[in-house]
């Protein structure tokens, strides 16, 4: 439950927005990032796909990482 999937977007070394699996949607950190996050959050299929990345990517790889440690 404590595994978190984050996908961040940067422009000129500044984080503009990110998807956070704990929040369940895109969050903007700049004026342009907020506008883009609002657009992306309207696409329910993209939000569902990003939420599924936590199970598909994070939970799959955490088992592999724990085995190698």
Protein backbone atom coordinates (compact mmCIF):
# COMPACT_ATOMS: atom_id res chain seq x y z
CA UNK A 1 0.00 0.00 0.00
CA UNK A 2 2.93 2.32 0.53
CA UNK A 3 4.18 2.03 -3.06
CA UNK A 4 3.65 5.18 -5.10
CA UNK A 5 3.89 5.71 -8.87
CA UNK A 6 4.93 9.21 -9.93
CA UNK A 7 5.46 10.45 -13.47
CA UNK A 8 6.86 13.97 -13.59
CA UNK A 9 7.10 16.40 -16.49
CA UNK A 10 9.78 19.09 -16.64
CA UNK A 11 10.44 22.14 -18.77
CA UNK A 12 13.71 24.08 -18.39
CA UNK A 13 14.60 22.04 -15.27
CA UNK A 14 11.34 23.08 -13.59
CA UNK A 15 8.68 20.52 -12.74
CA UNK A 16 5.51 21.64 -14.48
CA UNK A 17 3.17 18.78 -13.57
CA UNK A 18 3.06 15.16 -12.46
CA UNK A 19 0.81 12.17 -12.13
CA UNK A 20 0.73 10.85 -8.57
CA UNK A 21 -0.87 7.46 -7.93
CA UNK A 22 -1.78 8.45 -4.35
CA UNK A 23 -3.73 11.45 -5.62
CA UNK A 24 -5.04 9.54 -8.66
CA UNK A 25 -4.76 12.42 -11.11
CA UNK A 26 -2.38 14.92 -12.67
CA UNK A 27 -1.32 17.87 -10.54
CA UNK A 28 0.12 21.09 -11.99
CA UNK A 29 2.86 23.16 -10.33
CA UNK A 30 3.10 26.06 -12.78
CA UNK A 31 0.40 28.07 -14.55
CA UNK A 32 0.94 26.11 -17.77
CA UNK A 33 1.18 22.85 -15.82
CA UNK A 34 -2.13 23.46 -14.09
CA UNK A 35 -3.85 24.07 -17.44
CA UNK A 36 -2.27 20.94 -18.93
CA UNK A 37 -3.21 18.85 -15.88
CA UNK A 38 -6.84 19.94 -16.21
CA UNK A 39 -6.85 18.80 -19.84
CA UNK A 40 -5.21 15.47 -19.05
CA UNK A 41 -7.53 14.81 -16.09
CA UNK A 42 -10.54 15.00 -18.42
CA UNK A 43 -9.26 11.97 -20.35
CA UNK A 44 -10.61 9.13 -18.23
CA UNK A 45 -8.90 6.43 -20.27
CA UNK A 46 -5.49 8.03 -19.69
CA UNK A 47 -6.17 8.37 -15.97
CA UNK A 48 -7.16 4.70 -15.78
CA UNK A 49 -4.01 3.70 -17.67
CA UNK A 50 -1.80 5.75 -15.36
CA UNK A 51 -3.46 4.26 -12.28
CA UNK A 52 -2.84 0.79 -13.71
CA UNK A 53 0.87 1.58 -14.02
CA UNK A 54 1.23 1.28 -10.25
CA UNK A 55 0.18 -2.36 -10.38
CA UNK A 56 1.80 -3.16 -13.72
CA UNK A 57 5.15 -1.47 -13.16
CA UNK A 58 5.73 -0.78 -9.47
CA UNK A 59 4.30 -3.89 -7.85
CA UNK A 60 5.90 -6.15 -10.47
CA UNK A 61 9.37 -4.63 -10.06
CA UNK A 62 9.32 -4.33 -6.29
CA UNK A 63 9.20 -8.12 -6.02
CA UNK A 64 12.23 -8.38 -8.28
CA UNK A 65 14.11 -5.67 -6.38
CA UNK A 66 13.48 -7.32 -3.01
CA UNK A 67 14.76 -10.65 -4.33
CA UNK A 68 18.05 -9.15 -5.51
CA UNK A 69 18.70 -7.34 -2.24
